[in-house]
Amino acid sequence: MRLNFIAYAKLKASWKGKRNVEWIVADARNLPFQKNSIDCVSLLEILEHTTTPEKMVKEACRVLKKGGYLIISTVNQKRIKLSAKSISYSDFKRSTTKKMGRELPDSTAKGSEHIFEFQAVELQRLLREFNIRILDIKWITFLGFKLILSNFFNRRVLSNLERFIFKVPYLKEKFAEGLMFFCLKC
């Protein structure tokens, strides 16, 4: 069964009393909006599914008004993984450059596979290229981690443990499932 995300979004918005929202399906690398016309763009869990995330960021910057917000969430490549090792964005760019620009198909066409995953520093570097100011970075907790630990600790101990982990940079990078960047177009 294929879920119609526009129908789902309309239904969800109508529950919250928001009926004057216009919904559009578009390629994030070629948005049908004028330059400097949008207040906020969100790229949620998409950059790791395309071979050209820089095109998505560039296009988001094109349509964003000065002072507009860009919100990006993506998987944290440095997290502890139980599955096969993923390639980082930097390694992916080096390997595709060696292939002399031969473009690979985006994974979104065939499913949900990640082509690569970002480390926080890689996404920061990419955003700097487009003169995007990072206002805040949130580290998203791995739900499985919480569920496993909830068998051993009560909610208060778990909350304190999570606060401690997210204060230590090395542990934060290892236990955070995802990254969420809140940015501003300068």
N, C-alpha and C. Protein backbone atom coordinates (compact mmCIF):
# COMPACT_ATOMS: atom_id res chain seq x y z
N MET A 1 0.83 -1.18 0.00
CA MET A 1 0.00 0.00 0.00
C MET A 1 0.89 1.25 0.00
N ARG A 2 0.61 2.15 -0.91
CA ARG A 2 1.36 3.41 -0.99
C ARG A 2 0.57 4.51 -0.29
N LEU A 3 1.21 5.17 0.64
CA LEU A 3 0.56 6.21 1.40
C LEU A 3 0.59 7.52 0.62
N ASN A 4 -0.54 8.18 0.53
CA ASN A 4 -0.62 9.48 -0.13
C ASN A 4 -0.33 10.54 0.93
N PHE A 5 0.89 11.07 0.90
CA PHE A 5 1.33 11.98 1.95
C PHE A 5 0.60 13.32 1.91
N ILE A 6 0.21 13.78 0.74
CA ILE A 6 -0.54 15.04 0.65
C ILE A 6 -1.91 14.86 1.33
N ALA A 7 -2.59 13.77 1.03
CA ALA A 7 -3.89 13.52 1.66
C ALA A 7 -3.73 13.41 3.18
N TYR A 8 -2.68 12.74 3.62
CA TYR A 8 -2.41 12.61 5.06
C TYR A 8 -2.15 13.97 5.69
N ALA A 9 -1.34 14.81 5.03
CA ALA A 9 -1.01 16.14 5.54
C ALA A 9 -2.28 17.01 5.62
N LYS A 10 -3.13 16.93 4.59
CA LYS A 10 -4.37 17.71 4.59
C LYS A 10 -5.27 17.27 5.75
N LEU A 11 -5.37 15.98 5.96
CA LEU A 11 -6.20 15.45 7.04
C LEU A 11 -5.66 15.91 8.39
N LYS A 12 -4.36 15.79 8.58
CA LYS A 12 -3.73 16.19 9.84
C LYS A 12 -3.91 17.69 10.09
N ALA A 13 -3.76 18.50 9.04
CA ALA A 13 -3.93 19.95 9.17
C ALA A 13 -5.38 20.30 9.50
N SER A 14 -6.32 19.59 8.89
CA SER A 14 -7.73 19.89 9.15
C SER A 14 -8.11 19.57 10.59
N TRP A 15 -7.47 18.55 11.18
CA TRP A 15 -7.72 18.24 12.59
C TRP A 15 -7.28 19.39 13.48
N LYS A 16 -6.28 20.11 13.05
CA LYS A 16 -5.76 21.23 13.85
C LYS A 16 -6.38 22.55 13.43
N GLY A 17 -7.41 22.50 12.56
CA GLY A 17 -8.11 23.72 12.15
C GLY A 17 -7.40 24.54 11.09
N LYS A 18 -6.41 23.98 10.45
CA LYS A 18 -5.64 24.71 9.42
C LYS A 18 -6.11 24.24 8.04
N ARG A 19 -7.07 24.96 7.49
CA ARG A 19 -7.63 24.55 6.20
C ARG A 19 -7.15 25.41 5.04
N ASN A 20 -6.46 26.50 5.32
CA ASN A 20 -6.03 27.41 4.25
C ASN A 20 -4.57 27.18 3.86
N VAL A 21 -4.13 25.93 3.91
CA VAL A 21 -2.76 25.57 3.55
C VAL A 21 -2.76 25.00 2.14
N GLU A 22 -1.82 25.46 1.33
CA GLU A 22 -1.69 24.92 -0.03
C GLU A 22 -0.59 23.86 -0.02
N TRP A 23 -0.91 22.67 -0.51
CA TRP A 23 0.03 21.55 -0.53
C TRP A 23 0.53 21.32 -1.95
N ILE A 24 1.83 21.19 -2.10
CA ILE A 24 2.43 21.02 -3.43
C ILE A 24 3.46 19.90 -3.37
N VAL A 25 3.45 19.03 -4.37
CA VAL A 25 4.48 18.01 -4.50
C VAL A 25 5.49 18.53 -5.52
N ALA A 26 6.76 18.57 -5.13
CA ALA A 26 7.79 19.10 -6.03
C ALA A 26 9.13 18.44 -5.73
N ASP A 27 10.01 18.49 -6.69
CA ASP A 27 11.38 18.02 -6.52
C ASP A 27 12.13 19.07 -5.71
N ALA A 28 12.75 18.66 -4.61
CA ALA A 28 13.44 19.60 -3.72
C ALA A 28 14.66 20.23 -4.38
N ARG A 29 15.07 19.72 -5.53
CA ARG A 29 16.20 20.31 -6.26
C ARG A 29 15.75 21.31 -7.31
N ASN A 30 14.43 21.44 -7.49
CA ASN A 30 13.88 22.34 -8.50
C ASN A 30 12.48 22.77 -8.05
N LEU A 31 12.43 23.65 -7.08
CA LEU A 31 11.16 24.06 -6.49
C LEU A 31 10.43 25.07 -7.38
N PRO A 32 9.10 24.95 -7.46
CA PRO A 32 8.31 25.85 -8.33
C PRO A 32 7.94 27.16 -7.64
N PHE A 33 8.91 27.80 -6.99
CA PHE A 33 8.66 29.06 -6.29
C PHE A 33 9.65 30.11 -6.77
N GLN A 34 9.26 31.36 -6.64
CA GLN A 34 10.15 32.46 -7.01
C GLN A 34 11.27 32.61 -6.00
N LYS A 35 12.32 33.24 -6.44
CA LYS A 35 13.47 33.53 -5.59
C LYS A 35 13.02 34.42 -4.42
N ASN A 36 13.54 34.15 -3.24
CA ASN A 36 13.26 34.94 -2.03
C ASN A 36 11.77 35.08 -1.73
N SER A 37 11.02 33.98 -1.82
CA SER A 37 9.57 34.07 -1.64
C SER A 37 9.02 33.24 -0.48
N ILE A 38 9.85 32.44 0.18
CA ILE A 38 9.38 31.52 1.21
C ILE A 38 9.99 31.88 2.57
N ASP A 39 9.19 31.79 3.63
CA ASP A 39 9.65 32.11 4.98
C ASP A 39 10.40 30.97 5.65
N CYS A 40 10.02 29.73 5.34
CA CYS A 40 10.63 28.58 6.02
C CYS A 40 10.64 27.38 5.08
N VAL A 41 11.78 26.70 5.02
CA VAL A 41 11.91 25.47 4.24
C VAL A 41 12.42 24.39 5.18
N SER A 42 11.81 23.21 5.11
CA SER A 42 12.30 22.10 5.91
C SER A 42 12.71 20.96 4.99
N LEU A 43 13.89 20.45 5.24
CA LEU A 43 14.42 19.28 4.52
C LEU A 43 14.57 18.19 5.58
N LEU A 44 13.54 17.42 5.76
CA LEU A 44 13.49 16.45 6.85
C LEU A 44 13.73 15.04 6.33
N GLU A 45 14.82 14.45 6.79
CA GLU A 45 15.16 13.06 6.48
C GLU A 45 15.19 12.79 4.97
N ILE A 46 15.76 13.71 4.20
CA ILE A 46 15.82 13.56 2.75
C ILE A 46 17.24 13.63 2.19
N LEU A 47 18.11 14.42 2.80
CA LEU A 47 19.44 14.64 2.23
C LEU A 47 20.23 13.35 2.04
N GLU A 48 20.05 12.40 2.91
CA GLU A 48 20.81 11.14 2.82
C GLU A 48 20.29 10.21 1.72
N HIS A 49 19.19 10.58 1.09
CA HIS A 49 18.59 9.75 0.05
C HIS A 49 18.90 10.23 -1.36
N THR A 50 19.65 11.29 -1.50
CA THR A 50 19.95 11.83 -2.82
C THR A 50 21.46 11.92 -3.03
N THR A 51 21.87 11.85 -4.27
CA THR A 51 23.29 11.97 -4.58
C THR A 51 23.73 13.43 -4.61
N THR A 52 22.77 14.35 -4.58
CA THR A 52 23.09 15.77 -4.69
C THR A 52 22.42 16.60 -3.59
N PRO A 53 22.77 16.37 -2.32
CA PRO A 53 22.15 17.16 -1.25
C PRO A 53 22.48 18.64 -1.36
N GLU A 54 23.64 18.94 -1.94
CA GLU A 54 24.00 20.35 -2.09
C GLU A 54 23.03 21.07 -3.01
N LYS A 55 22.45 20.38 -4.00
CA LYS A 55 21.44 21.00 -4.87
C LYS A 55 20.18 21.33 -4.08
N MET A 56 19.81 20.44 -3.16
CA MET A 56 18.62 20.69 -2.33
C MET A 56 18.84 21.90 -1.43
N VAL A 57 20.01 21.98 -0.82
CA VAL A 57 20.30 23.10 0.07
C VAL A 57 20.36 24.40 -0.75
N LYS A 58 21.00 24.34 -1.91
CA LYS A 58 21.10 25.52 -2.78
C LYS A 58 19.70 26.00 -3.19
N GLU A 59 18.84 25.07 -3.55
CA GLU A 59 17.48 25.42 -3.97
C GLU A 59 16.67 25.97 -2.80
N ALA A 60 16.85 25.41 -1.62
CA ALA A 60 16.17 25.93 -0.43
C ALA A 60 16.61 27.37 -0.19
N CYS A 61 17.90 27.63 -0.34
CA CYS A 61 18.43 29.00 -0.16
C CYS A 61 17.89 29.95 -1.22
N ARG A 62 17.72 29.46 -2.43
CA ARG A 62 17.21 30.30 -3.51
C ARG A 62 15.80 30.80 -3.19
N VAL A 63 14.94 29.92 -2.71
CA VAL A 63 13.55 30.31 -2.48
C VAL A 63 13.33 30.98 -1.13
N LEU A 64 14.25 30.81 -0.18
CA LEU A 64 14.10 31.42 1.14
C LEU A 64 14.29 32.93 1.08
N LYS A 65 13.46 33.65 1.83
CA LYS A 65 13.64 35.09 2.00
C LYS A 65 14.84 35.32 2.91
N LYS A 66 15.44 36.49 2.81
CA LYS A 66 16.49 36.84 3.75
C LYS A 66 15.87 36.85 5.14
N GLY A 67 16.52 36.17 6.07
CA GLY A 67 15.96 36.03 7.41
C GLY A 67 15.01 34.85 7.53
N GLY A 68 14.87 34.08 6.43
CA GLY A 68 14.02 32.89 6.44
C GLY A 68 14.71 31.73 7.15
N TYR A 69 13.91 30.79 7.60
CA TYR A 69 14.43 29.65 8.36
C TYR A 69 14.57 28.41 7.50
N LEU A 70 15.64 27.70 7.74
CA LEU A 70 15.89 26.41 7.10
C LEU A 70 16.03 25.39 8.21
N ILE A 71 15.22 24.34 8.15
CA ILE A 71 15.26 23.28 9.16
C ILE A 71 15.65 21.99 8.44
N ILE A 72 16.69 21.35 8.93
CA ILE A 72 17.19 20.12 8.31
C ILE A 72 17.32 19.05 9.37
N SER A 73 16.79 17.88 9.08
CA SER A 73 17.06 16.73 9.95
C SER A 73 17.61 15.61 9.08
N THR A 74 18.54 14.88 9.66
CA THR A 74 19.18 13.79 8.94
C THR A 74 19.74 12.79 9.95
N VAL A 75 20.10 11.64 9.46
CA VAL A 75 20.67 10.59 10.31
C VAL A 75 22.09 10.98 10.70
N ASN A 76 22.48 10.66 11.91
CA ASN A 76 23.83 10.91 12.40
C ASN A 76 24.73 9.74 11.97
N GLN A 77 25.67 9.99 11.10
CA GLN A 77 26.54 8.94 10.58
C GLN A 77 27.45 8.34 11.65
N LYS A 78 27.75 9.09 12.68
CA LYS A 78 28.70 8.62 13.70
C LYS A 78 28.05 7.79 14.81
N ARG A 79 26.75 7.56 14.73
CA ARG A 79 26.09 6.82 15.80
C ARG A 79 26.56 5.37 15.85
N ILE A 80 26.34 4.73 16.97
CA ILE A 80 26.63 3.30 17.08
C ILE A 80 25.59 2.58 16.25
N LYS A 81 26.04 1.74 15.34
CA LYS A 81 25.13 1.06 14.43
C LYS A 81 25.23 -0.45 14.61
N LEU A 82 24.09 -1.10 14.51
CA LEU A 82 24.07 -2.55 14.55
C LEU A 82 24.14 -3.12 13.14
N SER A 83 23.86 -2.26 12.15
CA SER A 83 23.85 -2.71 10.76
C SER A 83 25.20 -2.43 10.11
N ALA A 84 25.27 -2.66 8.81
CA ALA A 84 26.52 -2.44 8.07
C ALA A 84 26.97 -1.00 8.18
N LYS A 85 28.25 -0.80 8.05
CA LYS A 85 28.83 0.54 8.14
C LYS A 85 28.36 1.40 6.97
N SER A 86 27.94 2.62 7.26
CA SER A 86 27.51 3.53 6.20
C SER A 86 28.67 4.43 5.81
N ILE A 87 28.59 4.95 4.62
CA ILE A 87 29.63 5.85 4.13
C ILE A 87 29.26 7.28 4.51
N SER A 88 30.26 8.08 4.84
CA SER A 88 30.00 9.48 5.19
C SER A 88 29.85 10.30 3.91
N TYR A 89 29.27 11.48 4.04
CA TYR A 89 29.07 12.37 2.90
C TYR A 89 30.41 12.72 2.26
N SER A 90 31.44 13.01 3.07
CA SER A 90 32.76 13.37 2.53
C SER A 90 33.35 12.22 1.71
N ASP A 91 33.26 11.00 2.24
CA ASP A 91 33.77 9.84 1.51
C ASP A 91 32.98 9.61 0.21
N PHE A 92 31.66 9.83 0.28
CA PHE A 92 30.83 9.68 -0.90
C PHE A 92 31.24 10.68 -1.99
N LYS A 93 31.45 11.94 -1.58
CA LYS A 93 31.85 12.97 -2.56
C LYS A 93 33.20 12.63 -3.18
N ARG A 94 34.15 12.14 -2.39
CA ARG A 94 35.45 11.76 -2.93
C ARG A 94 35.32 10.61 -3.92
N SER A 95 34.50 9.62 -3.60
CA SER A 95 34.37 8.46 -4.50
C SER A 95 33.64 8.82 -5.79
N THR A 96 32.64 9.70 -5.73
CA THR A 96 31.93 10.07 -6.96
C THR A 96 32.76 11.01 -7.82
N THR A 97 33.62 11.82 -7.19
CA THR A 97 34.51 12.71 -7.95
C THR A 97 35.50 11.87 -8.76
N LYS A 98 35.97 10.79 -8.17
CA LYS A 98 36.90 9.90 -8.87
C LYS A 98 36.24 9.26 -10.09
N LYS A 99 34.92 9.08 -10.03
CA LYS A 99 34.21 8.48 -11.16
C LYS A 99 33.91 9.51 -12.24
N MET A 100 34.51 10.71 -12.12
CA MET A 100 34.42 11.79 -13.10
C MET A 100 32.98 12.22 -13.35
N GLY A 101 32.27 12.47 -12.27
CA GLY A 101 30.93 13.03 -12.40
C GLY A 101 29.85 12.06 -12.80
N ARG A 102 30.16 10.78 -12.90
CA ARG A 102 29.11 9.81 -13.23
C ARG A 102 28.09 9.83 -12.10
N GLU A 103 26.88 10.19 -12.42
CA GLU A 103 25.87 10.36 -11.37
C GLU A 103 25.14 9.06 -11.10
N LEU A 104 25.02 8.75 -9.83
CA LEU A 104 24.28 7.57 -9.40
C LEU A 104 22.81 7.93 -9.26
N PRO A 105 21.92 6.95 -9.41
CA PRO A 105 20.49 7.27 -9.23
C PRO A 105 20.19 7.52 -7.75
N ASP A 106 19.25 8.40 -7.49
CA ASP A 106 18.82 8.66 -6.12
C ASP A 106 18.10 7.43 -5.58
N SER A 107 18.28 7.18 -4.28
CA SER A 107 17.66 6.00 -3.68
C SER A 107 16.17 6.18 -3.49
N THR A 108 15.70 7.43 -3.49
CA THR A 108 14.27 7.66 -3.27
C THR A 108 13.44 7.03 -4.40
N ALA A 109 14.04 6.84 -5.54
CA ALA A 109 13.31 6.24 -6.66
C ALA A 109 13.03 4.76 -6.42
N LYS A 110 13.87 4.10 -5.63
CA LYS A 110 13.69 2.66 -5.45
C LYS A 110 13.37 2.25 -4.03
N GLY A 111 13.37 3.16 -3.09
CA GLY A 111 13.07 2.78 -1.72
C GLY A 111 13.68 3.74 -0.73
N SER A 112 13.93 3.26 0.47
CA SER A 112 14.37 4.15 1.53
C SER A 112 15.85 4.01 1.89
N GLU A 113 16.64 3.40 1.03
CA GLU A 113 18.05 3.21 1.36
C GLU A 113 18.78 4.55 1.43
N HIS A 114 19.73 4.61 2.32
CA HIS A 114 20.58 5.80 2.40
C HIS A 114 21.74 5.62 1.44
N ILE A 115 22.04 6.66 0.70
CA ILE A 115 23.20 6.64 -0.18
C ILE A 115 24.44 6.89 0.66
N PHE A 116 24.34 7.78 1.62
CA PHE A 116 25.41 8.10 2.56
C PHE A 116 24.73 8.71 3.77
N GLU A 117 25.52 9.02 4.79
CA GLU A 117 24.98 9.70 5.97
C GLU A 117 25.94 10.82 6.36
N PHE A 118 25.38 11.86 6.96
CA PHE A 118 26.16 13.03 7.35
C PHE A 118 26.72 12.89 8.76
N GLN A 119 27.91 13.42 8.95
CA GLN A 119 28.41 13.73 10.27
C GLN A 119 28.06 15.20 10.50
N ALA A 120 27.92 15.61 11.73
CA ALA A 120 27.52 16.99 12.04
C ALA A 120 28.45 17.99 11.37
N VAL A 121 29.74 17.74 11.42
CA VAL A 121 30.72 18.67 10.86
C VAL A 121 30.57 18.79 9.33
N GLU A 122 30.19 17.71 8.67
CA GLU A 122 30.01 17.74 7.21
C GLU A 122 28.81 18.61 6.84
N LEU A 123 27.74 18.48 7.58
CA LEU A 123 26.55 19.29 7.30
C LEU A 123 26.82 20.76 7.63
N GLN A 124 27.56 21.02 8.68
CA GLN A 124 27.94 22.39 9.01
C GLN A 124 28.74 23.01 7.87
N ARG A 125 29.68 22.26 7.33
CA ARG A 125 30.53 22.74 6.22
C ARG A 125 29.66 23.04 5.00
N LEU A 126 28.73 22.15 4.68
CA LEU A 126 27.84 22.34 3.53
C LEU A 126 26.99 23.60 3.70
N LEU A 127 26.46 23.81 4.87
CA LEU A 127 25.62 24.99 5.11
C LEU A 127 26.41 26.28 5.03
N ARG A 128 27.66 26.26 5.48
CA ARG A 128 28.52 27.44 5.39
C ARG A 128 28.75 27.85 3.94
N GLU A 129 28.83 26.86 3.03
CA GLU A 129 29.04 27.15 1.60
C GLU A 129 27.93 28.04 1.05
N PHE A 130 26.74 27.96 1.61
CA PHE A 130 25.59 28.71 1.12
C PHE A 130 25.23 29.89 2.02
N ASN A 131 26.16 30.31 2.88
CA ASN A 131 25.98 31.46 3.75
C ASN A 131 24.74 31.30 4.64
N ILE A 132 24.59 30.10 5.17
CA ILE A 132 23.49 29.80 6.08
C ILE A 132 24.04 29.81 7.50
N ARG A 133 23.42 30.57 8.37
CA ARG A 133 23.86 30.63 9.76
C ARG A 133 23.12 29.58 10.59
N ILE A 134 23.86 28.77 11.28
CA ILE A 134 23.26 27.73 12.13
C ILE A 134 22.91 28.36 13.47
N LEU A 135 21.62 28.32 13.80
CA LEU A 135 21.16 28.88 15.07
C LEU A 135 21.28 27.86 16.20
N ASP A 136 20.98 26.61 15.88
CA ASP A 136 21.01 25.57 16.90
C ASP A 136 21.11 24.20 16.24
N ILE A 137 21.72 23.28 16.95
CA ILE A 137 21.79 21.88 16.51
C ILE A 137 21.22 21.04 17.64
N LYS A 138 20.24 20.23 17.33
CA LYS A 138 19.67 19.31 18.31
C LYS A 138 20.08 17.90 17.92
N TRP A 139 20.44 17.13 18.92
CA TRP A 139 20.80 15.74 18.70
C TRP A 139 19.58 14.91 19.06
N ILE A 140 19.12 14.10 18.13
CA ILE A 140 17.90 13.33 18.31
C ILE A 140 18.25 11.97 18.91
N THR A 141 17.58 11.63 19.99
CA THR A 141 17.86 10.38 20.70
C THR A 141 17.34 9.19 19.93
N PHE A 142 18.10 8.15 19.99
CA PHE A 142 17.72 6.88 19.37
C PHE A 142 16.64 6.24 20.23
N LEU A 143 15.45 6.06 19.70
CA LEU A 143 14.33 5.54 20.47
C LEU A 143 14.63 4.13 21.01
N GLY A 144 15.27 3.30 20.21
CA GLY A 144 15.61 1.94 20.66
C GLY A 144 16.48 1.97 21.90
N PHE A 145 17.41 2.92 21.94
CA PHE A 145 18.29 3.10 23.09
C PHE A 145 17.46 3.39 24.33
N LYS A 146 16.48 4.27 24.20
CA LYS A 146 15.61 4.62 25.33
C LYS A 146 14.79 3.41 25.77
N LEU A 147 14.25 2.68 24.80
CA LEU A 147 13.41 1.53 25.13
C LEU A 147 14.21 0.45 25.86
N ILE A 148 15.40 0.19 25.40
CA ILE A 148 16.25 -0.83 26.04
C ILE A 148 16.58 -0.41 27.47
N LEU A 149 17.01 0.83 27.63
CA LEU A 149 17.38 1.30 28.96
C LEU A 149 16.19 1.44 29.90
N SER A 150 14.99 1.66 29.34
CA SER A 150 13.81 1.80 30.20
C SER A 150 13.49 0.50 30.93
N ASN A 151 14.03 -0.63 30.45
CA ASN A 151 13.85 -1.90 31.15
C ASN A 151 14.70 -1.96 32.42
N PHE A 152 15.74 -1.15 32.50
CA PHE A 152 16.66 -1.20 33.62
C PHE A 152 16.56 0.00 34.57
N PHE A 153 16.09 1.14 34.05
CA PHE A 153 16.07 2.36 34.85
C PHE A 153 14.68 2.99 34.85
N ASN A 154 14.37 3.70 35.93
CA ASN A 154 13.10 4.43 35.93
C ASN A 154 13.25 5.69 35.09
N ARG A 155 12.16 6.39 34.84
CA ARG A 155 12.14 7.54 33.93
C ARG A 155 13.09 8.66 34.38
N ARG A 156 13.16 8.93 35.68
CA ARG A 156 14.02 10.00 36.18
C ARG A 156 15.50 9.67 35.97
N VAL A 157 15.89 8.44 36.28
CA VAL A 157 17.29 8.02 36.07
C VAL A 157 17.63 8.07 34.59
N LEU A 158 16.71 7.60 33.76
CA LEU A 158 16.92 7.60 32.31
C LEU A 158 17.07 9.03 31.78
N SER A 159 16.25 9.94 32.28
CA SER A 159 16.33 11.34 31.86
C SER A 159 17.67 11.95 32.25
N ASN A 160 18.13 11.67 33.47
CA ASN A 160 19.44 12.18 33.91
C ASN A 160 20.57 11.57 33.11
N LEU A 161 20.48 10.29 32.82
CA LEU A 161 21.50 9.62 32.02
C LEU A 161 21.56 10.24 30.62
N GLU A 162 20.40 10.48 30.03
CA GLU A 162 20.36 11.09 28.71
C GLU A 162 20.96 12.50 28.72
N ARG A 163 20.64 13.29 29.76
CA ARG A 163 21.21 14.63 29.88
C ARG A 163 22.74 14.56 29.98
N PHE A 164 23.25 13.61 30.74
CA PHE A 164 24.70 13.44 30.87
C PHE A 164 25.32 13.07 29.52
N ILE A 165 24.74 12.08 28.85
CA ILE A 165 25.27 11.62 27.56
C ILE A 165 25.32 12.77 26.57
N PHE A 166 24.28 13.61 26.54
CA PHE A 166 24.21 14.67 25.55
C PHE A 166 25.04 15.90 25.93
N LYS A 167 25.70 15.86 27.10
CA LYS A 167 26.63 16.92 27.45
C LYS A 167 28.06 16.55 27.07
N VAL A 168 28.33 15.28 26.87
CA VAL A 168 29.67 14.81 26.53
C VAL A 168 29.74 14.64 25.01
N PRO A 169 30.53 15.47 24.31
CA PRO A 169 30.54 15.44 22.84
C PRO A 169 30.74 14.04 22.24
N TYR A 170 31.69 13.28 22.73
CA TYR A 170 31.95 11.95 22.16
C TYR A 170 30.73 11.05 22.32
N LEU A 171 30.15 11.04 23.51
CA LEU A 171 28.98 10.19 23.76
C LEU A 171 27.78 10.66 22.96
N LYS A 172 27.62 11.99 22.86
CA LYS A 172 26.51 12.56 22.11
C LYS A 172 26.54 12.07 20.66
N GLU A 173 27.73 12.12 20.05
CA GLU A 173 27.86 11.67 18.65
C GLU A 173 27.59 10.18 18.51
N LYS A 174 27.92 9.40 19.51
CA LYS A 174 27.74 7.95 19.42
C LYS A 174 26.30 7.51 19.68
N PHE A 175 25.58 8.22 20.54
CA PHE A 175 24.25 7.78 20.93
C PHE A 175 23.11 8.54 20.25
N ALA A 176 23.41 9.63 19.56
CA ALA A 176 22.36 10.37 18.87
C ALA A 176 22.03 9.70 17.55
N GLU A 177 20.79 9.39 17.35
CA GLU A 177 20.35 8.75 16.12
C GLU A 177 20.33 9.73 14.96
N GLY A 178 20.00 10.98 15.27
CA GLY A 178 19.88 11.96 14.19
C GLY A 178 20.32 13.34 14.61
N LEU A 179 20.38 14.21 13.62
CA LEU A 179 20.77 15.60 13.81
C LEU A 179 19.63 16.48 13.31
N MET A 180 19.36 17.57 14.01
CA MET A 180 18.39 18.53 13.53
C MET A 180 19.04 19.91 13.60
N PHE A 181 19.15 20.55 12.44
CA PHE A 181 19.76 21.87 12.34
C PHE A 181 18.67 22.91 12.15
N PHE A 182 18.74 23.98 12.95
CA PHE A 182 17.84 25.12 12.82
C PHE A 182 18.71 26.27 12.32
N CYS A 183 18.39 26.77 11.13
CA CYS A 183 19.27 27.72 10.45
C CYS A 183 18.52 28.97 9.99
N LEU A 184 19.30 29.99 9.64
CA LEU A 184 18.77 31.27 9.19
C LEU A 184 19.51 31.68 7.93
N LYS A 185 18.76 32.14 6.92
CA LYS A 185 19.41 32.65 5.70
C LYS A 185 19.85 34.08 5.96
N CYS A 186 21.14 34.33 5.79
CA CYS A 186 21.68 35.68 6.03
C CYS A 186 21.50 36.57 4.81
